[in-house]
N, C-alpha and C. Protein backbone atom coordinates (compact mmCIF):
# COMPACT_ATOMS: atom_id res chain seq x y z
N MET A 1 -20.95 64.70 87.83
CA MET A 1 -19.86 63.96 87.71
C MET A 1 -20.60 62.77 88.82
N LYS A 2 -20.95 61.34 88.48
CA LYS A 2 -21.49 60.59 89.41
C LYS A 2 -20.78 59.06 89.64
N ALA A 3 -20.68 58.66 90.55
CA ALA A 3 -19.60 57.62 90.81
C ALA A 3 -20.64 56.47 91.71
N ILE A 4 -20.57 55.17 91.66
CA ILE A 4 -21.20 54.06 92.19
C ILE A 4 -19.80 53.62 92.69
N ILE A 5 -19.78 53.54 93.83
CA ILE A 5 -18.63 53.01 94.65
C ILE A 5 -19.21 51.64 95.26
N GLN A 6 -18.10 50.64 94.96
CA GLN A 6 -19.12 49.15 95.95
C GLN A 6 -17.54 49.00 96.63
N ARG A 7 -17.94 48.28 97.80
CA ARG A 7 -16.65 47.60 98.59
C ARG A 7 -16.44 46.22 98.36
N VAL A 8 -15.46 45.96 98.18
CA VAL A 8 -14.73 44.76 97.62
C VAL A 8 -13.57 44.09 98.60
N THR A 9 -14.17 42.67 98.23
CA THR A 9 -12.75 42.08 98.81
C THR A 9 -11.71 41.56 97.50
N GLU A 10 -12.30 41.63 96.66
CA GLU A 10 -11.61 41.47 95.25
C GLU A 10 -12.33 41.75 93.91
N ALA A 11 -11.93 42.44 92.92
CA ALA A 11 -12.69 42.66 91.56
C ALA A 11 -11.78 42.60 90.56
N SER A 12 -12.04 42.37 89.37
CA SER A 12 -11.23 42.79 88.11
C SER A 12 -12.22 43.36 86.81
N VAL A 13 -11.28 43.70 85.78
CA VAL A 13 -12.09 44.22 84.64
C VAL A 13 -11.16 43.17 83.76
N ALA A 14 -12.02 42.72 82.56
CA ALA A 14 -11.27 42.18 81.56
C ALA A 14 -12.01 43.08 80.47
N VAL A 15 -11.07 43.02 79.32
CA VAL A 15 -11.37 43.52 77.63
C VAL A 15 -11.15 42.66 77.15
N GLU A 16 -11.92 41.94 76.26
CA GLU A 16 -11.62 41.06 75.30
C GLU A 16 -11.08 39.81 75.73
N GLY A 17 -11.65 39.40 76.96
CA GLY A 17 -11.20 38.06 77.45
C GLY A 17 -9.82 38.67 78.58
N GLN A 18 -9.49 39.55 78.48
CA GLN A 18 -7.89 39.68 78.98
C GLN A 18 -8.02 40.74 80.19
N ILE A 19 -7.73 40.46 81.50
CA ILE A 19 -7.51 40.95 82.73
C ILE A 19 -6.86 42.33 82.48
N VAL A 20 -7.29 43.44 82.57
CA VAL A 20 -6.54 44.64 82.38
C VAL A 20 -6.40 45.57 83.89
N GLY A 21 -7.27 44.78 84.64
CA GLY A 21 -6.92 45.93 86.01
C GLY A 21 -7.90 44.69 87.04
N LYS A 22 -7.11 44.65 88.49
CA LYS A 22 -7.39 43.71 89.47
C LYS A 22 -7.15 44.05 90.71
N ILE A 23 -7.71 43.91 91.69
CA ILE A 23 -7.70 44.69 92.76
C ILE A 23 -7.76 43.57 93.74
N ASP A 24 -7.45 43.79 95.27
CA ASP A 24 -7.98 43.04 96.41
C ASP A 24 -8.98 44.08 97.11
N GLN A 25 -8.70 44.02 98.45
CA GLN A 25 -9.75 44.87 99.23
C GLN A 25 -9.73 46.30 98.89
N GLY A 26 -11.01 46.91 98.65
CA GLY A 26 -10.77 48.13 98.15
C GLY A 26 -12.03 48.58 97.93
N LEU A 27 -12.40 49.45 96.57
CA LEU A 27 -13.36 49.90 96.04
C LEU A 27 -13.41 49.74 94.76
N VAL A 28 -14.65 49.26 93.96
CA VAL A 28 -14.90 49.43 92.64
C VAL A 28 -15.46 50.62 92.57
N VAL A 29 -15.04 51.76 91.50
CA VAL A 29 -15.30 53.10 91.25
C VAL A 29 -16.08 52.89 89.60
N LEU A 30 -17.35 53.00 89.49
CA LEU A 30 -18.04 53.43 88.26
C LEU A 30 -18.27 55.06 88.11
N LEU A 31 -17.34 55.18 87.37
CA LEU A 31 -17.28 56.66 86.80
C LEU A 31 -18.04 57.16 85.63
N GLY A 32 -18.89 58.29 86.01
CA GLY A 32 -19.76 58.81 84.92
C GLY A 32 -19.41 60.23 85.03
N VAL A 33 -19.13 60.76 83.75
CA VAL A 33 -19.03 62.29 83.46
C VAL A 33 -19.60 62.95 82.67
N THR A 34 -20.41 63.86 83.08
CA THR A 34 -21.76 64.83 82.34
C THR A 34 -20.66 65.97 81.89
N HIS A 35 -21.36 66.54 80.72
CA HIS A 35 -20.90 67.75 79.94
C HIS A 35 -20.34 68.83 81.01
N ASP A 36 -21.10 69.01 81.76
CA ASP A 36 -20.50 70.35 82.51
C ASP A 36 -19.70 70.22 83.54
N ASP A 37 -19.47 69.02 83.82
CA ASP A 37 -18.27 68.71 84.72
C ASP A 37 -16.86 69.30 84.55
N VAL A 38 -16.39 69.51 86.03
CA VAL A 38 -15.11 70.41 85.65
C VAL A 38 -14.06 69.77 86.83
N GLU A 39 -13.00 70.11 86.92
CA GLU A 39 -11.86 69.72 87.53
C GLU A 39 -12.09 69.59 89.06
N GLU A 40 -13.16 70.48 89.77
CA GLU A 40 -13.81 70.60 90.99
C GLU A 40 -14.39 69.53 91.00
N ASP A 41 -15.20 68.86 90.41
CA ASP A 41 -16.13 67.62 90.36
C ASP A 41 -15.42 66.43 90.56
N VAL A 42 -13.98 66.56 89.97
CA VAL A 42 -13.56 65.46 90.27
C VAL A 42 -12.80 65.15 91.44
N THR A 43 -12.26 66.33 92.02
CA THR A 43 -11.73 66.47 93.28
C THR A 43 -12.92 66.28 94.16
N TYR A 44 -13.81 66.71 94.39
CA TYR A 44 -15.04 66.32 95.34
C TYR A 44 -15.42 64.83 95.38
N ILE A 45 -15.27 64.48 94.09
CA ILE A 45 -16.05 63.21 94.40
C ILE A 45 -14.66 62.29 94.71
N LEU A 46 -13.61 62.35 94.75
CA LEU A 46 -12.28 61.52 94.65
C LEU A 46 -11.97 61.68 96.26
N GLN A 47 -12.34 62.83 96.71
CA GLN A 47 -12.23 62.95 98.39
C GLN A 47 -13.34 62.46 99.09
N LYS A 48 -14.47 62.51 98.65
CA LYS A 48 -15.45 61.42 98.98
C LYS A 48 -15.13 60.19 99.09
N ILE A 49 -14.65 59.40 97.79
CA ILE A 49 -14.27 57.90 97.70
C ILE A 49 -13.33 57.72 98.82
N ILE A 50 -12.16 58.45 98.75
CA ILE A 50 -11.09 57.92 99.85
C ILE A 50 -11.16 58.22 101.23
N ASN A 51 -12.25 59.29 101.46
CA ASN A 51 -12.49 59.34 102.88
C ASN A 51 -13.69 59.10 103.78
N LEU A 52 -14.64 58.39 103.06
CA LEU A 52 -15.70 58.01 103.32
C LEU A 52 -15.54 56.97 104.27
N ARG A 53 -16.12 56.95 105.56
CA ARG A 53 -16.07 56.10 106.62
C ARG A 53 -16.58 54.49 106.45
N ILE A 54 -16.45 53.67 105.27
CA ILE A 54 -17.48 52.90 105.15
C ILE A 54 -16.95 51.40 105.00
N PHE A 55 -15.55 51.50 105.52
CA PHE A 55 -15.06 50.21 105.93
C PHE A 55 -15.27 49.90 107.40
N GLU A 56 -15.15 48.51 107.97
CA GLU A 56 -15.75 48.07 109.48
C GLU A 56 -14.13 48.47 110.24
N ASP A 57 -14.36 48.74 111.44
CA ASP A 57 -13.37 49.15 112.35
C ASP A 57 -13.35 47.67 113.17
N ASP A 58 -12.32 47.99 114.34
CA ASP A 58 -12.63 46.47 115.06
C ASP A 58 -13.41 46.22 115.96
N GLN A 59 -14.71 47.20 115.93
CA GLN A 59 -15.98 47.14 116.68
C GLN A 59 -16.82 46.78 115.87
N ALA A 60 -16.55 46.35 114.33
CA ALA A 60 -17.60 46.05 113.38
C ALA A 60 -18.64 47.11 112.87
N LYS A 61 -18.13 48.27 113.11
CA LYS A 61 -18.70 49.56 112.56
C LYS A 61 -18.42 50.07 111.29
N MET A 62 -18.75 50.66 110.40
CA MET A 62 -18.20 51.50 109.33
C MET A 62 -17.88 52.87 109.74
N ASN A 63 -16.50 52.60 110.06
CA ASN A 63 -15.74 53.96 111.12
C ASN A 63 -14.55 54.33 110.48
N VAL A 64 -14.19 53.52 109.28
CA VAL A 64 -12.71 53.52 108.75
C VAL A 64 -13.05 53.71 106.83
N SER A 65 -11.82 54.77 106.54
CA SER A 65 -11.97 55.00 104.85
C SER A 65 -10.76 54.14 104.34
N LEU A 66 -11.41 54.41 102.99
CA LEU A 66 -10.64 53.80 101.97
C LEU A 66 -8.96 54.06 102.33
N LYS A 67 -8.42 55.37 102.67
CA LYS A 67 -7.29 55.67 102.73
C LYS A 67 -6.55 55.01 103.79
N ASP A 68 -7.65 55.22 105.11
CA ASP A 68 -7.14 54.65 106.52
C ASP A 68 -6.81 52.71 106.36
N ILE A 69 -7.45 52.17 105.26
CA ILE A 69 -6.93 50.70 105.21
C ILE A 69 -6.02 50.41 104.29
N GLN A 70 -5.82 51.21 103.46
CA GLN A 70 -4.79 51.63 102.46
C GLN A 70 -5.54 50.44 101.35
N GLY A 71 -6.66 50.60 101.20
CA GLY A 71 -7.48 49.95 100.16
C GLY A 71 -7.11 50.72 98.96
N ASP A 72 -7.37 49.62 97.77
CA ASP A 72 -7.12 49.84 96.30
C ASP A 72 -8.49 50.27 95.66
N ILE A 73 -8.49 50.91 94.47
CA ILE A 73 -9.36 51.34 93.66
C ILE A 73 -9.34 50.83 92.30
N LEU A 74 -10.39 50.21 91.91
CA LEU A 74 -10.50 49.72 90.47
C LEU A 74 -11.32 50.53 89.80
N SER A 75 -11.02 51.47 88.83
CA SER A 75 -11.75 52.68 88.08
C SER A 75 -12.12 52.20 86.96
N VAL A 76 -13.42 52.20 86.69
CA VAL A 76 -14.30 52.26 85.39
C VAL A 76 -15.18 53.25 84.66
N SER A 77 -14.64 53.30 83.65
CA SER A 77 -15.69 54.62 83.16
C SER A 77 -17.02 53.79 82.74
N GLN A 78 -17.85 54.95 83.04
CA GLN A 78 -19.23 54.42 83.11
C GLN A 78 -20.34 55.60 82.92
N PHE A 79 -20.10 55.73 81.29
CA PHE A 79 -21.20 57.04 80.75
C PHE A 79 -22.88 56.35 80.99
N THR A 80 -23.23 55.56 81.26
CA THR A 80 -24.46 54.92 81.43
C THR A 80 -24.76 55.10 82.73
N LEU A 81 -24.25 55.69 83.43
CA LEU A 81 -24.75 56.42 84.67
C LEU A 81 -25.59 57.56 84.38
N TYR A 82 -25.47 58.31 83.23
CA TYR A 82 -26.46 59.39 82.98
C TYR A 82 -27.51 58.73 81.78
N ALA A 83 -27.78 57.59 82.10
CA ALA A 83 -28.97 57.19 81.44
C ALA A 83 -30.49 58.00 82.05
N ASP A 84 -31.20 58.33 80.81
CA ASP A 84 -32.26 59.40 81.04
C ASP A 84 -33.36 58.15 80.52
N THR A 85 -34.19 57.59 81.35
CA THR A 85 -35.27 56.74 81.11
C THR A 85 -36.47 56.97 81.54
N ARG A 86 -36.46 58.23 81.55
CA ARG A 86 -38.04 58.86 81.64
C ARG A 86 -39.15 58.81 80.60
N LYS A 87 -38.64 58.49 79.48
CA LYS A 87 -39.55 58.69 78.29
C LYS A 87 -39.11 57.07 77.33
N GLY A 88 -40.27 56.50 77.09
CA GLY A 88 -40.20 55.51 76.39
C GLY A 88 -39.34 54.46 77.04
N ARG A 89 -39.06 53.30 76.43
CA ARG A 89 -37.99 51.98 76.74
C ARG A 89 -36.65 51.90 76.75
N ARG A 90 -36.37 52.85 75.72
CA ARG A 90 -34.64 53.02 75.57
C ARG A 90 -34.02 54.17 75.91
N PRO A 91 -32.96 53.86 76.93
CA PRO A 91 -32.49 55.16 77.80
C PRO A 91 -31.86 55.91 76.60
N ASN A 92 -31.79 57.37 77.07
CA ASN A 92 -30.91 58.13 76.16
C ASN A 92 -29.89 58.41 77.07
N PHE A 93 -28.73 59.00 76.64
CA PHE A 93 -27.43 59.31 77.32
C PHE A 93 -26.73 60.58 76.82
N ILE A 94 -28.11 61.59 76.40
CA ILE A 94 -27.76 62.98 76.03
C ILE A 94 -26.90 63.48 76.94
N GLN A 95 -27.17 63.57 78.37
CA GLN A 95 -26.41 64.07 79.88
C GLN A 95 -24.92 63.38 79.65
N ALA A 96 -24.81 62.44 79.39
CA ALA A 96 -23.46 61.95 79.28
C ALA A 96 -22.20 62.81 78.54
N ALA A 97 -21.06 63.10 79.15
CA ALA A 97 -20.15 63.80 78.22
C ALA A 97 -19.45 63.30 76.94
N LYS A 98 -19.60 64.38 76.31
CA LYS A 98 -18.44 63.70 74.96
C LYS A 98 -17.33 62.67 75.27
N PRO A 99 -16.92 61.73 74.50
CA PRO A 99 -15.77 61.20 74.94
C PRO A 99 -14.67 61.83 74.86
N ASP A 100 -14.19 62.90 74.40
CA ASP A 100 -12.90 63.52 74.60
C ASP A 100 -12.82 64.22 76.20
N HIS A 101 -14.05 64.87 76.61
CA HIS A 101 -14.42 65.77 77.85
C HIS A 101 -14.24 64.33 78.78
N ALA A 102 -15.02 63.56 78.61
CA ALA A 102 -15.06 62.39 79.57
C ALA A 102 -13.90 61.55 80.06
N GLU A 103 -13.19 61.28 78.91
CA GLU A 103 -11.83 60.67 79.13
C GLU A 103 -10.92 61.43 79.83
N LYS A 104 -10.70 62.87 79.45
CA LYS A 104 -9.81 63.82 80.09
C LYS A 104 -10.18 63.64 81.79
N LEU A 105 -11.73 63.60 82.02
CA LEU A 105 -11.69 63.94 83.59
C LEU A 105 -11.55 62.61 84.29
N TYR A 106 -12.07 61.57 83.41
CA TYR A 106 -11.73 60.21 84.08
C TYR A 106 -9.67 60.07 84.24
N GLN A 107 -9.39 60.68 83.32
CA GLN A 107 -7.86 60.22 83.36
C GLN A 107 -7.51 60.80 84.65
N GLN A 108 -7.68 62.41 84.79
CA GLN A 108 -7.88 63.22 85.99
C GLN A 108 -8.03 62.55 87.22
N PHE A 109 -9.27 61.95 87.51
CA PHE A 109 -9.76 61.19 88.73
C PHE A 109 -8.36 60.43 89.13
N ASN A 110 -8.25 59.39 87.99
CA ASN A 110 -7.51 58.52 88.29
C ASN A 110 -5.77 58.75 88.74
N GLN A 111 -5.24 59.70 88.06
CA GLN A 111 -4.14 60.35 88.57
C GLN A 111 -3.90 61.20 89.91
N LEU A 112 -5.11 61.63 90.30
CA LEU A 112 -5.33 62.68 91.28
C LEU A 112 -5.31 61.22 92.73
N ALA A 113 -5.86 60.31 92.26
CA ALA A 113 -5.95 59.36 92.92
C ALA A 113 -4.59 58.72 93.73
N ILE A 114 -3.98 58.68 92.52
CA ILE A 114 -2.82 58.06 92.24
C ILE A 114 -1.68 59.36 93.45
N ALA A 115 -1.69 60.46 93.14
CA ALA A 115 -1.14 61.16 93.96
C ALA A 115 -1.67 61.33 95.49
N GLU A 116 -2.71 61.03 95.82
CA GLU A 116 -3.20 60.88 97.01
C GLU A 116 -2.63 59.48 97.76
N GLY A 117 -1.65 58.87 97.00
CA GLY A 117 -0.94 57.65 97.61
C GLY A 117 -1.97 56.43 97.36
N MET A 118 -3.28 56.43 96.23
CA MET A 118 -3.90 55.14 96.33
C MET A 118 -3.34 54.44 95.06
N THR A 119 -3.64 53.14 95.48
CA THR A 119 -3.25 52.48 94.48
C THR A 119 -4.31 52.04 93.38
N VAL A 120 -4.04 52.38 91.95
CA VAL A 120 -5.14 52.18 90.99
C VAL A 120 -4.96 51.29 89.96
N GLU A 121 -6.04 50.60 89.76
CA GLU A 121 -6.23 49.74 88.53
C GLU A 121 -7.37 50.47 87.71
N THR A 122 -7.16 49.95 86.40
CA THR A 122 -8.46 50.87 85.67
C THR A 122 -8.79 49.78 84.39
N GLY A 123 -9.81 50.02 84.03
CA GLY A 123 -10.35 49.25 82.83
C GLY A 123 -10.05 50.50 81.67
N VAL A 124 -10.44 50.14 80.45
CA VAL A 124 -9.87 50.42 79.27
C VAL A 124 -11.07 51.49 78.93
N PHE A 125 -10.80 52.88 78.75
CA PHE A 125 -11.68 54.09 78.51
C PHE A 125 -12.80 53.49 77.01
N GLY A 126 -13.73 53.48 77.08
CA GLY A 126 -14.38 53.59 75.82
C GLY A 126 -14.68 51.97 75.20
N ALA A 127 -14.04 51.02 76.06
CA ALA A 127 -13.87 49.25 75.60
C ALA A 127 -15.07 49.05 76.12
N MET A 128 -15.86 47.99 75.35
CA MET A 128 -16.85 46.78 76.11
C MET A 128 -16.13 46.16 77.38
N MET A 129 -16.39 46.02 78.61
CA MET A 129 -15.62 45.47 79.72
C MET A 129 -16.44 44.57 80.46
N ASP A 130 -16.03 43.87 80.97
CA ASP A 130 -16.79 42.49 81.81
C ASP A 130 -16.03 43.21 83.26
N VAL A 131 -16.81 43.22 84.15
CA VAL A 131 -16.57 43.67 85.54
C VAL A 131 -16.69 42.60 86.51
N GLN A 132 -15.81 41.60 87.39
CA GLN A 132 -16.27 40.89 88.31
C GLN A 132 -15.96 41.31 89.50
N LEU A 133 -16.52 40.89 90.56
CA LEU A 133 -16.28 41.71 91.72
C LEU A 133 -16.97 40.66 93.22
N VAL A 134 -16.72 40.87 94.01
CA VAL A 134 -17.28 40.11 95.22
C VAL A 134 -17.24 41.54 96.14
N ASN A 135 -18.51 41.90 96.34
CA ASN A 135 -19.34 42.85 97.09
C ASN A 135 -18.97 42.84 98.53
N ASN A 136 -18.68 43.71 99.25
CA ASN A 136 -18.19 42.93 100.42
C ASN A 136 -19.27 43.65 101.24
N GLY A 137 -20.01 42.93 102.22
CA GLY A 137 -21.32 43.59 102.71
C GLY A 137 -22.58 43.12 102.39
N PRO A 138 -23.27 43.62 101.48
CA PRO A 138 -22.44 44.27 100.35
C PRO A 138 -22.63 45.71 101.09
N VAL A 139 -21.89 46.69 99.96
CA VAL A 139 -22.07 47.94 100.68
C VAL A 139 -21.88 48.51 99.26
N THR A 140 -22.78 49.31 98.77
CA THR A 140 -22.92 50.35 97.32
C THR A 140 -23.39 51.29 97.76
N ILE A 141 -22.66 52.54 97.14
CA ILE A 141 -23.17 53.89 97.56
C ILE A 141 -22.98 54.32 96.25
N ILE A 142 -23.90 55.58 96.12
CA ILE A 142 -24.21 56.63 95.02
C ILE A 142 -23.68 57.89 95.79
N LEU A 143 -22.50 58.52 94.42
CA LEU A 143 -21.90 59.66 94.83
C LEU A 143 -22.52 60.64 93.54
N ASP A 144 -22.82 61.88 93.99
CA ASP A 144 -23.01 62.85 92.72
C ASP A 144 -22.29 64.14 92.97
N SER A 145 -21.69 64.68 92.20
CA SER A 145 -20.81 66.15 92.34
C SER A 145 -21.84 67.29 92.61
N GLN A 146 -22.88 66.83 92.09
CA GLN A 146 -23.82 68.16 92.03
C GLN A 146 -24.31 68.47 93.46
N ASP A 147 -24.22 67.19 94.61
CA ASP A 147 -24.54 67.42 95.96
C ASP A 147 -23.70 68.51 96.32
N ARG A 148 -22.53 68.91 96.02
CA ARG A 148 -21.73 70.12 96.24
C ARG A 148 -22.08 71.42 96.19
N LYS A 149 -22.96 71.30 95.14
CA LYS A 149 -23.49 72.56 94.66
C LYS A 149 -24.82 72.76 95.21
N LYS A 150 -25.36 71.96 96.23
CA LYS A 150 -26.80 72.07 96.62
C LYS A 150 -26.52 72.94 97.99
C-alpha cells in the first residue's frame, strides 16, 4: 500500500463539478493499493499517517501529529501510485489491485481512521475526481507499507 500525504490548510475533491469531500486543516491522503496488500498494510499506513509528527508546534518545529491537532483527512483512492514507467512512454498499472480488492482496503482505511477518532472526508472510488488543495509548507510525504516488511 502506498500513500502520498500532503499537509493542507484546506482541500476538496469534486466529481462531475460537485464537491463530495472537503476539509480544513489536516492531510490529503492519496491511497494506492496493490494486489498483495492486506489489513496489516492498512493499519500500518493509517498509524503512520495519524501519528507522524509533521505539524508545527509552538516553536515552529514539526513535532505534532495529525491526531494531536485533531486535524481532518481527505482520503482519495489513487491507483496511479502503482504506475510502472520503466518501459516505454505509457505507464502500466499491473501492480495496482483489482477494483474489488482495492475498494475493500480503501474503505477499511477510511473506517479505521474514523474508529481512531479522525474526521474523514472522501472522494468517490473509481470516479474521475478533481482535487484542489492548499499545501501547507509545502509538506508532502510518501509512505509505503512495504517499509514495514524490511
